[in-house]
N, C-alpha and C. Protein backbone atom coordinates (compact mmCIF):
# COMPACT_ATOMS: atom_id res chain seq x y z
N MET A 1 145.61 71.01 158.22
CA MET A 1 144.47 71.89 158.20
C MET A 1 143.72 71.78 159.51
N SER A 2 143.19 72.89 159.89
CA SER A 2 142.45 72.88 161.16
C SER A 2 141.02 72.37 160.91
N ALA A 3 140.37 72.05 161.99
CA ALA A 3 139.00 71.55 161.90
C ALA A 3 138.07 72.61 161.33
N ALA A 4 138.35 73.88 161.64
CA ALA A 4 137.50 74.96 161.14
C ALA A 4 137.62 75.08 159.62
N ALA A 5 138.81 74.90 159.07
CA ALA A 5 139.00 74.99 157.63
C ALA A 5 138.30 73.84 156.92
N VAL A 6 138.39 72.65 157.48
CA VAL A 6 137.72 71.50 156.88
C VAL A 6 136.21 71.70 156.91
N MET A 7 135.72 72.19 158.03
CA MET A 7 134.28 72.44 158.16
C MET A 7 133.82 73.52 157.17
N ALA A 8 134.63 74.55 156.96
CA ALA A 8 134.29 75.61 156.01
C ALA A 8 134.24 75.06 154.59
N ILE A 9 135.18 74.20 154.23
CA ILE A 9 135.19 73.60 152.90
C ILE A 9 133.96 72.71 152.71
N ILE A 10 133.63 71.91 153.72
CA ILE A 10 132.47 71.03 153.62
C ILE A 10 131.19 71.85 153.46
N LEU A 11 131.04 72.91 154.24
CA LEU A 11 129.85 73.75 154.14
C LEU A 11 129.78 74.46 152.77
N PHE A 12 130.92 74.89 152.26
CA PHE A 12 130.96 75.53 150.95
C PHE A 12 130.55 74.55 149.86
N LEU A 13 131.05 73.32 149.92
CA LEU A 13 130.66 72.31 148.95
C LEU A 13 129.17 71.98 149.05
N PHE A 14 128.66 71.92 150.27
CA PHE A 14 127.23 71.68 150.48
C PHE A 14 126.41 72.81 149.85
N PHE A 15 126.88 74.03 150.02
CA PHE A 15 126.22 75.20 149.44
C PHE A 15 126.21 75.11 147.91
N LEU A 16 127.34 74.75 147.30
CA LEU A 16 127.41 74.63 145.85
C LEU A 16 126.50 73.53 145.31
N VAL A 17 126.46 72.40 146.02
CA VAL A 17 125.58 71.31 145.61
C VAL A 17 124.12 71.75 145.69
N GLY A 18 123.77 72.50 146.71
CA GLY A 18 122.40 73.00 146.85
C GLY A 18 122.02 73.93 145.72
N ILE A 19 122.93 74.79 145.32
CA ILE A 19 122.65 75.69 144.20
C ILE A 19 122.48 74.89 142.91
N ALA A 20 123.34 73.91 142.68
CA ALA A 20 123.25 73.09 141.46
C ALA A 20 121.93 72.33 141.42
N VAL A 21 121.50 71.77 142.55
CA VAL A 21 120.24 71.04 142.58
C VAL A 21 119.07 72.00 142.33
N GLY A 22 119.14 73.19 142.89
CA GLY A 22 118.09 74.17 142.67
C GLY A 22 117.96 74.56 141.21
N VAL A 23 119.08 74.77 140.56
CA VAL A 23 119.05 75.12 139.13
C VAL A 23 118.46 73.97 138.33
N LEU A 24 118.85 72.75 138.62
CA LEU A 24 118.31 71.60 137.90
C LEU A 24 116.81 71.44 138.12
N VAL A 25 116.34 71.69 139.33
CA VAL A 25 114.91 71.59 139.61
C VAL A 25 114.14 72.64 138.83
N VAL A 26 114.64 73.85 138.77
CA VAL A 26 113.96 74.91 138.01
C VAL A 26 113.89 74.54 136.53
N ILE A 27 114.97 74.02 135.98
CA ILE A 27 114.97 73.62 134.57
C ILE A 27 114.00 72.47 134.34
N ALA A 28 113.98 71.49 135.23
CA ALA A 28 113.11 70.32 135.07
C ALA A 28 111.64 70.72 135.17
N VAL A 29 111.29 71.58 136.12
CA VAL A 29 109.90 71.99 136.27
C VAL A 29 109.47 72.81 135.07
N SER A 30 110.33 73.66 134.58
CA SER A 30 110.01 74.46 133.40
C SER A 30 109.80 73.58 132.18
N ALA A 31 110.65 72.58 132.00
CA ALA A 31 110.50 71.67 130.86
C ALA A 31 109.23 70.85 130.98
N ARG A 32 108.89 70.46 132.20
CA ARG A 32 107.68 69.66 132.39
C ARG A 32 106.44 70.48 132.07
N ARG A 33 106.43 71.75 132.50
CA ARG A 33 105.28 72.60 132.19
C ARG A 33 105.17 72.84 130.70
N ALA A 34 106.29 73.04 130.03
CA ALA A 34 106.26 73.27 128.59
C ALA A 34 105.78 72.02 127.86
N HIS A 35 106.13 70.86 128.37
CA HIS A 35 105.72 69.61 127.74
C HIS A 35 104.23 69.36 127.93
N LYS A 36 103.68 69.76 129.07
CA LYS A 36 102.27 69.54 129.36
C LYS A 36 101.37 70.62 128.80
N ALA A 37 101.92 71.71 128.33
CA ALA A 37 101.11 72.82 127.86
C ALA A 37 100.32 72.43 126.62
N VAL A 38 99.11 72.92 126.55
CA VAL A 38 98.26 72.66 125.40
C VAL A 38 98.60 73.71 124.34
N PRO A 39 98.94 73.28 123.14
CA PRO A 39 99.27 74.27 122.11
C PRO A 39 98.05 75.11 121.75
N GLN A 40 98.26 76.40 121.63
CA GLN A 40 97.19 77.32 121.28
C GLN A 40 97.12 77.42 119.76
N ILE A 41 96.04 76.95 119.20
CA ILE A 41 95.85 76.99 117.76
C ILE A 41 94.76 78.02 117.47
N ARG A 42 95.18 79.09 116.81
CA ARG A 42 94.22 80.13 116.46
C ARG A 42 93.92 80.04 114.97
N PRO A 43 92.65 80.14 114.60
CA PRO A 43 92.34 80.09 113.17
C PRO A 43 92.86 81.35 112.48
N VAL A 44 93.35 81.17 111.28
CA VAL A 44 93.86 82.28 110.51
C VAL A 44 92.81 82.66 109.49
N ALA A 45 92.24 83.83 109.65
CA ALA A 45 91.22 84.31 108.73
C ALA A 45 91.85 85.30 107.75
N PRO A 46 91.33 85.35 106.55
CA PRO A 46 91.86 86.33 105.61
C PRO A 46 91.52 87.75 106.08
N PRO A 47 92.34 88.72 105.72
CA PRO A 47 92.04 90.09 106.16
C PRO A 47 90.77 90.59 105.50
N PRO A 48 90.04 91.44 106.19
CA PRO A 48 88.82 91.97 105.58
C PRO A 48 89.16 92.81 104.35
N PRO A 49 88.28 92.85 103.38
CA PRO A 49 88.58 93.63 102.17
C PRO A 49 88.67 95.12 102.48
N GLY A 50 89.56 95.78 101.78
CA GLY A 50 89.73 97.21 101.97
C GLY A 50 90.73 97.56 103.04
N THR A 51 91.46 96.58 103.56
CA THR A 51 92.48 96.85 104.58
C THR A 51 93.83 96.50 104.01
N TRP A 52 94.86 96.97 104.65
CA TRP A 52 96.21 96.72 104.20
C TRP A 52 96.47 95.23 104.19
N PRO A 53 97.10 94.64 103.26
CA PRO A 53 97.82 95.20 102.11
C PRO A 53 96.97 95.29 100.86
N TYR A 54 95.67 95.17 100.98
CA TYR A 54 94.79 95.17 99.81
C TYR A 54 94.00 96.46 99.73
N LEU A 55 94.70 97.58 99.67
CA LEU A 55 94.01 98.87 99.60
C LEU A 55 93.44 99.06 98.20
N PRO A 56 92.16 99.42 98.12
CA PRO A 56 91.57 99.57 96.79
C PRO A 56 91.98 100.85 96.08
N GLU A 57 92.35 101.89 96.81
CA GLU A 57 92.70 103.16 96.18
C GLU A 57 94.20 103.40 96.25
N HIS A 58 94.65 104.41 95.57
CA HIS A 58 96.07 104.77 95.53
C HIS A 58 96.48 105.37 96.86
N ASP A 59 97.68 105.02 97.32
CA ASP A 59 98.19 105.56 98.58
C ASP A 59 98.67 106.99 98.35
N PRO A 60 98.14 107.97 99.09
CA PRO A 60 98.55 109.35 98.86
C PRO A 60 99.98 109.64 99.29
N ASP A 61 100.58 108.77 100.10
CA ASP A 61 101.96 109.00 100.54
C ASP A 61 102.97 108.61 99.47
N GLU A 62 102.56 107.79 98.53
CA GLU A 62 103.49 107.38 97.47
C GLU A 62 103.62 108.49 96.45
N GLY A 63 104.76 108.50 95.77
CA GLY A 63 105.01 109.53 94.77
C GLY A 63 104.05 109.44 93.60
N GLY A 64 103.45 110.56 93.27
CA GLY A 64 102.50 110.61 92.16
C GLY A 64 103.11 111.37 91.01
N PRO A 65 102.29 111.76 90.04
CA PRO A 65 102.82 112.48 88.89
C PRO A 65 103.33 113.87 89.24
N ASP A 66 102.90 114.44 90.38
CA ASP A 66 103.37 115.78 90.75
C ASP A 66 104.73 115.75 91.44
N GLU A 67 105.25 114.57 91.76
CA GLU A 67 106.55 114.46 92.41
C GLU A 67 107.56 113.89 91.42
N PRO A 68 108.78 114.44 91.40
CA PRO A 68 109.79 113.87 90.50
C PRO A 68 110.28 112.53 91.05
N PRO A 69 110.77 111.66 90.18
CA PRO A 69 111.32 110.39 90.66
C PRO A 69 112.52 110.64 91.57
N TRP A 70 112.86 109.63 92.38
CA TRP A 70 113.91 109.82 93.39
C TRP A 70 115.25 110.15 92.76
N TRP A 71 115.53 109.65 91.56
CA TRP A 71 116.84 109.93 90.98
C TRP A 71 116.93 111.35 90.39
N HIS A 72 115.78 112.02 90.25
CA HIS A 72 115.78 113.40 89.78
C HIS A 72 115.63 114.40 90.92
N ALA A 73 115.35 113.89 92.13
CA ALA A 73 115.09 114.77 93.26
C ALA A 73 116.35 115.07 94.07
N ARG A 74 117.52 114.97 93.47
CA ARG A 74 118.75 115.25 94.18
C ARG A 74 118.92 116.75 94.33
N GLY A 75 119.22 117.17 95.51
CA GLY A 75 119.41 118.59 95.75
C GLY A 75 120.88 118.96 95.77
N GLY A 76 121.24 120.14 95.29
CA GLY A 76 122.59 120.63 95.39
C GLY A 76 123.49 120.22 94.25
N ASP A 77 123.02 119.44 93.28
CA ASP A 77 123.88 119.05 92.16
C ASP A 77 123.65 119.97 90.98
């Protein structure tokens, strides 16, 4: 092998090692920040009365007495 080929292989290996170290540093810094982060605890309050899912009145979108049940509403039979 010529000196140029050996030098190219060495530089390529150096390049690969640099990429691997960079990836490891990004993972380590990300894990460290996640470990140091203060957990956000938000109080859970009950929903105000009169809001979904506790609607006091009947939903007008649901089928009422003026609409046939779904098994009777087949068309074309």
